[in-house]
Amino acid sequence: MAYVDHAFSISDEDIMMDTPYAVNNRPPFKEIGLAVALLVFGTLGIVLGIFMAYNRVGGDRAHGLFFTILGCILFIPGFYYTRIAYYAYKGYKGFSFSNIPPV
């Protein structure tokens, strides 16, 4: 008689037959809205920060540098997830709305 390791076998009881598998590729509107907001506010922060540093708003360049760094921190994830959403919408290979994490 052959030895069968049942710890790694798949039986009909292991597979859920009552729930159909369906791919939900619906756009996550809340997450895309957050990504676009991060992109817009990050761009505004970078532009205003450079303007503030150049014109020494607040007495020195530190305020402008702070806004520029804050804008970069907001811009990077906003650009990344907006790009994923755009490529998934256009149907590029390898991009899907499931690549955007839920909020």
C-alpha atoms as a PDB file:
ATOM      1  CA  MET A   1       0.000   0.000   0.000  1.00  0.00           C
ATOM      2  CA  ALA A   2       1.354   3.437  -0.979  1.00  0.00           C
ATOM      3  CA  TYR A   3       1.782   6.216   1.522  1.00  0.00           C
ATOM      4  CA  VAL A   4      -0.331   9.308   0.782  1.00  0.00           C
ATOM      5  CA  ASP A   5       0.369  12.555   2.624  1.00  0.00           C
ATOM      6  CA  HIS A   6      -3.076  14.052   3.174  1.00  0.00           C
ATOM      7  CA  ALA A   7      -1.680  17.342   4.496  1.00  0.00           C
ATOM      8  CA  PHE A   8      -0.933  18.507   0.952  1.00  0.00           C
ATOM      9  CA  SER A   9      -3.761  16.863  -0.961  1.00  0.00           C
ATOM     10  CA  ILE A  10      -6.730  18.753  -2.326  1.00  0.00           C
ATOM     11  CA  SER A  11     -10.146  17.254  -1.911  1.00  0.00           C
ATOM     12  CA  ASP A  12     -13.579  18.411  -2.930  1.00  0.00           C
ATOM     13  CA  GLU A  13     -14.190  19.572   0.630  1.00  0.00           C
ATOM     14  CA  ASP A  14     -11.276  22.015   0.403  1.00  0.00           C
ATOM     15  CA  ILE A  15     -12.612  23.788  -2.662  1.00  0.00           C
ATOM     16  CA  MET A  16     -15.531  26.158  -2.123  1.00  0.00           C
ATOM     17  CA  MET A  17     -17.958  25.216  -4.835  1.00  0.00           C
ATOM     18  CA  ASP A  18     -20.821  27.512  -3.818  1.00  0.00           C
ATOM     19  CA  THR A  19     -19.008  30.852  -4.406  1.00  0.00           C
ATOM     20  CA  PRO A  20     -18.142  31.601  -8.013  1.00  0.00           C
ATOM     21  CA  TYR A  21     -14.802  33.206  -8.737  1.00  0.00           C
ATOM     22  CA  ALA A  22     -15.241  36.540 -10.490  1.00  0.00           C
ATOM     23  CA  VAL A  23     -12.631  39.150 -11.257  1.00  0.00           C
ATOM     24  CA  ASN A  24     -13.747  42.566 -10.041  1.00  0.00           C
ATOM     25  CA  ASN A  25     -11.818  45.112 -12.089  1.00  0.00           C
ATOM     26  CA  ARG A  26     -14.046  48.032 -11.126  1.00  0.00           C
ATOM     27  CA  PRO A  27     -12.182  51.293 -10.577  1.00  0.00           C
ATOM     28  CA  PRO A  28     -11.730  52.184  -6.890  1.00  0.00           C
ATOM     29  CA  PHE A  29     -13.035  55.754  -7.029  1.00  0.00           C
ATOM     30  CA  LYS A  30     -12.145  56.696  -3.441  1.00  0.00           C
ATOM     31  CA  GLU A  31      -8.526  55.561  -3.807  1.00  0.00           C
ATOM     32  CA  ILE A  32      -8.125  57.244  -7.193  1.00  0.00           C
ATOM     33  CA  GLY A  33      -9.580  60.460  -5.778  1.00  0.00           C
ATOM     34  CA  LEU A  34      -7.073  60.347  -2.931  1.00  0.00           C
ATOM     35  CA  ALA A  35      -4.203  59.736  -5.367  1.00  0.00           C
ATOM     36  CA  VAL A  36      -5.254  62.689  -7.545  1.00  0.00           C
ATOM     37  CA  ALA A  37      -5.608  64.909  -4.462  1.00  0.00           C
ATOM     38  CA  LEU A  38      -2.102  63.937  -3.316  1.00  0.00           C
ATOM     39  CA  LEU A  39      -0.779  64.682  -6.795  1.00  0.00           C
ATOM     40  CA  VAL A  40      -2.449  68.109  -6.973  1.00  0.00           C
ATOM     41  CA  PHE A  41      -1.510  69.199  -3.448  1.00  0.00           C
ATOM     42  CA  GLY A  42       2.013  67.880  -3.903  1.00  0.00           C
ATOM     43  CA  THR A  43       2.442  69.866  -7.110  1.00  0.00           C
ATOM     44  CA  LEU A  44       1.066  72.985  -5.423  1.00  0.00           C
ATOM     45  CA  GLY A  45       3.400  72.449  -2.470  1.00  0.00           C
ATOM     46  CA  ILE A  46       6.440  72.139  -4.721  1.00  0.00           C
ATOM     47  CA  VAL A  47       5.553  75.202  -6.810  1.00  0.00           C
ATOM     48  CA  LEU A  48       4.633  77.363  -3.810  1.00  0.00           C
ATOM     49  CA  GLY A  49       7.660  76.169  -1.869  1.00  0.00           C
ATOM     50  CA  ILE A  50      10.039  77.130  -4.660  1.00  0.00           C
ATOM     51  CA  PHE A  51       8.288  80.497  -4.976  1.00  0.00           C
ATOM     52  CA  MET A  52       8.500  81.055  -1.210  1.00  0.00           C
ATOM     53  CA  ALA A  53      12.191  80.099  -1.068  1.00  0.00           C
ATOM     54  CA  TYR A  54      13.066  82.335  -4.012  1.00  0.00           C
ATOM     55  CA  ASN A  55      11.227  85.372  -2.622  1.00  0.00           C
ATOM     56  CA  ARG A  56      12.146  84.631   1.018  1.00  0.00           C
ATOM     57  CA  VAL A  57       8.558  84.627   2.220  1.00  0.00           C
ATOM     58  CA  GLY A  58       8.551  84.439   6.016  1.00  0.00           C
ATOM     59  CA  GLY A  59      11.949  86.087   6.374  1.00  0.00           C
ATOM     60  CA  ASP A  60      14.175  83.234   5.207  1.00  0.00           C
ATOM     61  CA  ARG A  61      14.326  80.278   2.833  1.00  0.00           C
ATOM     62  CA  ALA A  62      13.409  77.681   5.486  1.00  0.00           C
ATOM     63  CA  HIS A  63       9.655  78.097   5.030  1.00  0.00           C
ATOM     64  CA  GLY A  64       9.953  77.566   1.298  1.00  0.00           C
ATOM     65  CA  LEU A  65      12.210  74.556   1.786  1.00  0.00           C
ATOM     66  CA  PHE A  66       9.669  73.049   4.190  1.00  0.00           C
ATOM     67  CA  PHE A  67       6.837  73.451   1.668  1.00  0.00           C
ATOM     68  CA  THR A  68       8.985  72.009  -1.112  1.00  0.00           C
ATOM     69  CA  ILE A  69       9.848  68.913   0.948  1.00  0.00           C
ATOM     70  CA  LEU A  70       6.219  68.499   2.017  1.00  0.00           C
ATOM     71  CA  GLY A  71       5.136  68.828  -1.609  1.00  0.00           C
ATOM     72  CA  CYS A  72       7.606  66.120  -2.651  1.00  0.00           C
ATOM     73  CA  ILE A  73       6.316  63.789   0.063  1.00  0.00           C
ATOM     74  CA  LEU A  74       2.753  64.282  -1.207  1.00  0.00           C
ATOM     75  CA  PHE A  75       3.669  64.226  -4.907  1.00  0.00           C
ATOM     76  CA  ILE A  76       5.530  60.896  -5.057  1.00  0.00           C
ATOM     77  CA  PRO A  77       2.738  58.512  -3.950  1.00  0.00           C
ATOM     78  CA  GLY A  78       0.118  60.633  -5.712  1.00  0.00           C
ATOM     79  CA  PHE A  79       1.958  60.376  -9.018  1.00  0.00           C
ATOM     80  CA  TYR A  80       2.637  56.665  -8.560  1.00  0.00           C
ATOM     81  CA  TYR A  81      -0.966  55.629  -7.906  1.00  0.00           C
ATOM     82  CA  THR A  82      -2.436  58.064 -10.423  1.00  0.00           C
ATOM     83  CA  ARG A  83      -0.146  56.549 -13.054  1.00  0.00           C
ATOM     84  CA  ILE A  84      -1.275  53.025 -12.136  1.00  0.00           C
ATOM     85  CA  ALA A  85      -4.934  54.086 -12.332  1.00  0.00           C
ATOM     86  CA  TYR A  86      -4.412  55.759 -15.711  1.00  0.00           C
ATOM     87  CA  TYR A  87      -2.590  52.775 -17.203  1.00  0.00           C
ATOM     88  CA  ALA A  88      -5.210  50.373 -15.818  1.00  0.00           C
ATOM     89  CA  TYR A  89      -7.974  52.529 -17.318  1.00  0.00           C
ATOM     90  CA  LYS A  90      -6.237  52.549 -20.692  1.00  0.00           C
ATOM     91  CA  GLY A  91      -5.771  48.768 -20.505  1.00  0.00           C
ATOM     92  CA  TYR A  92      -1.989  48.531 -20.590  1.00  0.00           C
ATOM     93  CA  LYS A  93      -0.630  45.040 -20.017  1.00  0.00           C
ATOM     94  CA  GLY A  94       0.458  44.422 -16.428  1.00  0.00           C
ATOM     95  CA  PHE A  95      -1.646  47.197 -14.873  1.00  0.00           C
ATOM     96  CA  SER A  96      -4.882  46.585 -13.012  1.00  0.00           C
ATOM     97  CA  PHE A  97      -7.034  48.453 -10.545  1.00  0.00           C
ATOM     98  CA  SER A  98      -6.255  45.669  -8.071  1.00  0.00           C
ATOM     99  CA  ASN A  99      -2.698  47.100  -7.856  1.00  0.00           C
ATOM    100  CA  ILE A 100      -4.097  50.105  -5.971  1.00  0.00           C
ATOM    101  CA  PRO A 101      -4.355  49.302  -2.254  1.00  0.00           C
ATOM    102  CA  PRO A 102      -7.671  49.982  -0.467  1.00  0.00           C
ATOM    103  CA  VAL A 103      -7.918  52.939   1.899  1.00  0.00           C
END
